Amino acid sequence: MTIVSGLERARVALERGVRIPSGALTGHVARSWERCVQRGMDPAREPNNMIVMHGELNARRERNALLRKLAIAEMQLLYSQIAGSNIMIAFGDADGVVLDTISDRQFADSSVGRSIIPGSTWNEADRGTNALGLTLLERESVAIYGREHFFSSHGQLSCMAAPVLDASGDIVGLLDASCCNEARQQHTHALVRMAAAQIENGLIFQQQSDNLIVAFHPRVEYLDTLSAGLIALSRDGRVRSLNRPCQALLAGLKANIGSAFEDLFDASFIK
């Protein structure tokens, strides 16, 4: 007796153009496939290979100079941390345009590797279901494994992406790790999220160097970890920047740009 997975049943339905079985896919993948079908996309065809002009790519890189500097350092570390071959690390801007990549020769020479290049655009409307595009839409880290991609030509690709957010919660960049297999790389996904968090913290230290930056956590041993909250304060005790752990630790309080120190902590700010 052959057991057919929910994903395989969903793919058969997708490729036959019939209704996809309920519950066969995770929520974000099901929603993405539905949007792609509504756009009239054909999973058997090749996606639009959208690439911006060289001049526009350079302009985007210049606008994101500080972000790229931080991202490239994390990309290099992430690449060294992921064991094995046939992998790529990519960094994109807030529009889903890839700015930089690091990959081994095996991945770079593959058909998918030749499409994930600086200047390539990975939004859902052109590329179908993919981790970079869904991260933009869902505003959270997303992993797309193998045949969860809408287009069949991406069926051997597994991608894990995480957003890089600024202090206002807006997406300013996208970090992605891709490999040419269908293995569920949970460890890799965790590393991508950690690397994105490091970039976010780096932005705070670089952009708020003239302000007081405070790290805090209920447990002192976590102060040097990515679990620590970071908050940048002006000389009059107003919030100028804060990271995601800070927002989580101060949940229920008005932890926003411009908030007063005294509104968030049981202490007075000495000016």
Protein backbone atom coordinates (compact mmCIF):
# COMPACT_ATOMS: atom_id res chain seq x y z
CA MET A 1 0.00 0.00 0.00
CA THR A 2 1.41 3.38 -1.05
CA ILE A 3 0.88 6.26 1.34
CA VAL A 4 0.58 9.60 -0.44
CA SER A 5 1.46 12.71 1.57
CA GLY A 6 -0.82 15.70 1.81
CA LEU A 7 1.67 17.74 -0.21
CA GLU A 8 1.71 15.21 -3.03
CA ARG A 9 -2.09 15.10 -3.13
CA ALA A 10 -2.10 18.90 -3.23
CA ARG A 11 0.41 18.99 -6.09
CA VAL A 12 -1.60 16.51 -8.14
CA ALA A 13 -4.67 18.68 -7.65
CA LEU A 14 -2.74 21.85 -8.50
CA GLU A 15 -1.29 20.41 -11.69
CA ARG A 16 -4.68 19.05 -12.77
CA GLY A 17 -6.34 22.38 -12.09
CA VAL A 18 -8.81 21.01 -9.55
CA ARG A 19 -9.58 22.04 -5.98
CA ILE A 20 -6.71 21.48 -3.57
CA PRO A 21 -7.68 19.20 -0.65
CA SER A 22 -8.39 21.10 2.54
CA GLY A 23 -5.66 20.76 5.16
CA ALA A 24 -3.12 19.32 2.72
CA LEU A 25 -0.86 22.37 2.99
CA THR A 26 0.27 24.73 5.73
CA GLY A 27 -1.73 27.94 5.89
CA HIS A 28 0.77 30.32 4.28
CA VAL A 29 1.52 27.89 1.43
CA ALA A 30 -2.18 27.26 0.78
CA ARG A 31 -2.88 31.01 0.67
CA SER A 32 0.05 31.59 -1.65
CA TRP A 33 -0.98 28.83 -4.08
CA GLU A 34 -4.50 30.24 -4.14
CA ARG A 35 -3.19 33.73 -5.01
CA CYS A 36 -0.99 32.29 -7.73
CA VAL A 37 -3.91 30.38 -9.26
CA GLN A 38 -6.05 33.51 -9.13
CA ARG A 39 -3.32 35.36 -11.05
CA GLY A 40 -3.59 32.75 -13.78
CA MET A 41 -0.17 31.21 -13.16
CA ASP A 42 0.57 27.75 -14.57
CA PRO A 43 2.76 25.60 -12.26
CA ALA A 44 4.13 23.69 -15.25
CA ARG A 45 5.52 26.81 -16.91
CA GLU A 46 8.64 28.78 -15.99
CA PRO A 47 8.20 31.81 -13.68
CA ASN A 48 8.93 35.34 -14.87
CA ASN A 49 12.68 35.85 -14.66
CA MET A 50 12.51 39.46 -13.47
CA ILE A 51 15.91 41.19 -13.20
CA VAL A 52 16.47 44.92 -12.63
CA MET A 53 18.97 46.82 -14.75
CA HIS A 54 22.58 47.08 -13.56
CA GLY A 55 22.24 50.81 -12.85
CA GLU A 56 19.17 50.26 -10.70
CA LEU A 57 20.90 47.45 -8.81
CA ASN A 58 23.82 49.75 -8.00
CA ALA A 59 21.42 52.48 -6.87
CA ARG A 60 19.63 50.04 -4.57
CA ARG A 61 22.96 48.91 -3.14
CA GLU A 62 24.00 52.50 -2.47
CA ARG A 63 20.70 53.28 -0.71
CA ASN A 64 21.27 50.26 1.53
CA ALA A 65 25.02 50.69 2.08
CA LEU A 66 25.00 50.33 5.88
CA LEU A 67 22.50 47.50 5.79
CA ARG A 68 24.57 45.64 3.17
CA LYS A 69 27.75 46.05 5.21
CA LEU A 70 26.10 44.38 8.19
CA ALA A 71 24.32 41.78 6.06
CA ILE A 72 27.40 40.64 4.13
CA ALA A 73 29.26 39.95 7.38
CA GLU A 74 26.34 37.82 8.61
CA MET A 75 26.02 36.11 5.21
CA GLN A 76 29.65 35.02 5.34
CA LEU A 77 29.25 33.67 8.87
CA LEU A 78 25.99 31.93 7.97
CA TYR A 79 27.57 30.33 4.91
CA SER A 80 30.40 28.94 7.06
CA GLN A 81 27.90 27.56 9.60
CA ILE A 82 25.82 25.55 7.13
CA ALA A 83 27.49 22.23 6.54
CA GLY A 84 27.43 20.48 3.16
CA SER A 85 27.33 21.74 -0.38
CA ASN A 86 24.83 22.99 -2.95
CA ILE A 87 23.80 26.02 -0.89
CA MET A 88 23.32 29.74 -1.40
CA ILE A 89 22.92 32.70 0.97
CA ALA A 90 21.10 35.71 -0.49
CA PHE A 91 20.27 39.16 0.82
CA GLY A 92 17.47 41.24 -0.67
CA ASP A 93 16.03 44.69 -0.13
CA ALA A 94 12.53 45.62 1.01
CA ASP A 95 11.17 45.09 -2.51
CA GLY A 96 12.46 41.54 -2.79
CA VAL A 97 15.32 42.48 -5.14
CA VAL A 98 18.41 40.37 -4.44
CA LEU A 99 21.41 42.60 -3.70
CA ASP A 100 24.10 40.04 -2.84
CA THR A 101 24.64 36.28 -2.90
CA ILE A 102 27.21 33.79 -1.62
CA SER A 103 27.09 30.25 -2.98
CA ASP A 104 29.20 27.24 -3.83
CA ARG A 105 29.92 26.38 -7.46
CA GLN A 106 27.48 23.45 -7.50
CA PHE A 107 24.51 25.65 -6.58
CA ALA A 108 25.63 28.57 -8.75
CA ASP A 109 25.78 26.29 -11.80
CA SER A 110 22.30 24.84 -11.24
CA SER A 111 19.28 26.19 -13.11
CA VAL A 112 17.87 27.68 -9.92
CA GLY A 113 21.25 29.09 -8.92
CA ARG A 114 21.45 30.91 -12.24
CA SER A 115 18.11 32.57 -11.47
CA ILE A 116 18.93 33.70 -7.90
CA ILE A 117 21.43 36.38 -8.81
CA PRO A 118 21.98 40.01 -7.80
CA GLY A 119 19.26 42.07 -9.43
CA SER A 120 16.71 39.25 -9.58
CA THR A 121 13.31 40.03 -8.10
CA TRP A 122 11.63 37.39 -5.95
CA ASN A 123 8.13 38.63 -5.29
CA GLU A 124 5.22 36.21 -5.36
CA ALA A 125 3.52 37.91 -8.31
CA ASP A 126 6.42 36.94 -10.61
CA ARG A 127 8.06 33.92 -8.98
CA GLY A 128 5.10 32.21 -7.37
CA THR A 129 5.36 30.68 -3.91
CA ASN A 130 8.89 31.23 -2.58
CA ALA A 131 10.40 32.07 0.80
CA LEU A 132 11.59 35.59 -0.03
CA GLY A 133 8.26 36.60 -1.54
CA LEU A 134 6.22 35.09 1.29
CA THR A 135 8.41 36.69 3.93
CA LEU A 136 7.55 40.06 2.38
CA LEU A 137 3.83 39.26 2.47
CA GLU A 138 3.65 37.47 5.83
CA ARG A 139 6.15 39.82 7.56
CA GLU A 140 7.74 36.89 9.36
CA SER A 141 10.29 34.16 8.70
CA VAL A 142 9.11 31.55 6.20
CA ALA A 143 10.48 28.22 4.96
CA ILE A 144 9.36 26.71 1.66
CA TYR A 145 10.44 23.14 1.10
CA GLY A 146 10.72 21.43 -2.25
CA ARG A 147 7.39 20.96 -3.95
CA GLU A 148 5.72 23.55 -1.73
CA HIS A 149 7.03 26.01 -4.35
CA PHE A 150 4.26 26.84 -6.80
CA PHE A 151 6.31 26.28 -9.94
CA SER A 152 7.38 22.68 -10.60
CA SER A 153 10.80 23.86 -11.81
CA HIS A 154 11.59 24.88 -8.21
CA GLY A 155 10.59 21.50 -6.80
CA GLN A 156 14.10 20.50 -5.72
CA LEU A 157 14.75 23.78 -3.93
CA SER A 158 14.36 24.43 -0.21
CA CYS A 159 14.46 28.06 0.94
CA MET A 160 14.42 29.64 4.39
CA ALA A 161 14.03 33.42 4.67
CA ALA A 162 13.73 35.92 7.50
CA PRO A 163 12.90 39.63 7.44
CA VAL A 164 15.22 42.31 8.76
CA LEU A 165 13.11 44.96 10.51
CA ASP A 166 13.87 48.50 11.53
CA ALA A 167 12.81 50.06 14.83
CA SER A 168 9.37 50.92 13.42
CA GLY A 169 8.73 47.30 12.46
CA ASP A 170 9.12 47.95 8.74
CA ILE A 171 10.93 45.43 6.57
CA VAL A 172 14.24 46.87 5.37
CA GLY A 173 15.84 43.65 4.13
CA LEU A 174 15.47 39.92 3.57
CA LEU A 175 17.95 37.18 4.40
CA ASP A 176 17.62 33.79 2.70
CA ALA A 177 19.38 30.43 2.71
CA SER A 178 18.61 28.03 -0.14
CA CYS A 179 19.72 24.49 -0.90
CA CYS A 180 19.01 22.06 -3.72
CA ASN A 181 17.21 19.35 -1.81
CA GLU A 182 13.89 18.76 -0.11
CA ALA A 183 15.26 18.11 3.37
CA ARG A 184 13.57 20.12 6.10
CA GLN A 185 16.47 22.23 7.30
CA GLN A 186 15.11 23.33 10.68
CA HIS A 187 18.61 24.03 11.99
CA THR A 188 19.37 26.23 8.97
CA HIS A 189 16.09 28.12 9.41
CA ALA A 190 17.03 28.90 13.02
CA LEU A 191 20.45 30.15 11.91
CA VAL A 192 18.85 32.44 9.31
CA ARG A 193 16.55 33.97 11.94
CA MET A 194 19.50 34.51 14.28
CA ALA A 195 21.54 36.15 11.53
CA ALA A 196 18.63 38.51 10.71
CA ALA A 197 18.40 39.44 14.40
CA GLN A 198 22.12 40.20 14.47
CA ILE A 199 21.70 42.56 11.51
CA GLU A 200 18.81 44.30 13.28
CA ASN A 201 20.90 44.77 16.43
CA GLY A 202 23.81 46.00 14.33
CA LEU A 203 21.57 48.66 12.78
CA ILE A 204 20.65 49.94 16.24
CA PHE A 205 24.29 50.21 17.33
CA GLN A 206 25.34 51.89 14.08
CA GLN A 207 22.40 54.27 13.67
CA GLN A 208 22.01 55.16 17.35
CA SER A 209 25.66 55.57 18.32
CA ASP A 210 25.00 59.10 19.61
CA ASN A 211 22.31 57.84 21.99
CA LEU A 212 22.39 55.67 25.10
CA ILE A 213 21.85 52.00 24.21
CA VAL A 214 20.67 49.77 27.03
CA ALA A 215 20.49 45.96 26.99
CA PHE A 216 18.10 44.29 29.44
CA HIS A 217 16.62 40.89 30.25
CA PRO A 218 14.95 39.36 33.33
CA ARG A 219 17.88 36.93 33.57
CA VAL A 220 21.36 38.46 33.66
CA GLU A 221 22.97 35.49 31.87
CA TYR A 222 20.96 36.34 28.73
CA LEU A 223 22.22 39.92 28.42
CA ASP A 224 24.86 38.95 25.86
CA THR A 225 22.47 36.88 23.75
CA LEU A 226 19.97 37.62 21.00
CA SER A 227 17.21 37.24 23.62
CA ALA A 228 18.20 40.53 25.23
CA GLY A 229 16.17 43.64 24.63
CA LEU A 230 18.01 46.60 23.14
CA ILE A 231 16.63 50.09 23.53
CA ALA A 232 18.24 53.35 22.39
CA LEU A 233 17.43 56.42 24.48
CA SER A 234 17.96 60.09 23.77
CA ARG A 235 19.52 62.42 26.34
CA ASP A 236 16.07 63.34 27.62
CA GLY A 237 15.08 59.66 28.05
CA ARG A 238 12.96 59.20 24.93
CA VAL A 239 12.98 55.97 22.95
CA ARG A 240 14.79 56.33 19.64
CA SER A 241 15.05 52.68 18.64
CA LEU A 242 14.27 49.22 19.99
CA ASN A 243 14.65 45.66 18.80
CA ARG A 244 12.08 42.86 18.62
CA PRO A 245 13.09 41.16 21.90
CA CYS A 246 12.65 44.55 23.58
CA GLN A 247 9.12 44.82 22.23
CA ALA A 248 8.35 41.29 23.40
CA LEU A 249 9.76 41.87 26.88
CA LEU A 250 7.76 45.10 27.20
CA ALA A 251 4.55 43.64 25.78
CA GLY A 252 1.50 45.44 27.14
CA LEU A 253 3.37 48.72 27.52
CA LYS A 254 3.55 51.57 25.02
CA ALA A 255 7.03 50.70 23.84
CA ASN A 256 7.14 52.95 20.78
CA ILE A 257 9.48 55.47 19.24
CA GLY A 258 9.13 58.60 21.37
CA SER A 259 7.95 56.82 24.52
CA ALA A 260 9.44 57.99 27.80
CA PHE A 261 11.82 55.79 29.79
CA GLU A 262 9.66 56.20 32.92
CA ASP A 263 6.63 54.82 31.07
CA LEU A 264 8.45 51.55 30.44
CA PHE A 265 10.67 50.95 33.46
CA ASP A 266 10.16 51.25 37.22
CA ALA A 267 12.98 53.77 37.52
CA SER A 268 13.75 57.39 36.79
CA PHE A 269 15.91 58.44 33.88
CA ILE A 270 18.76 60.65 35.06
CA LYS A 271 19.18 63.41 32.53
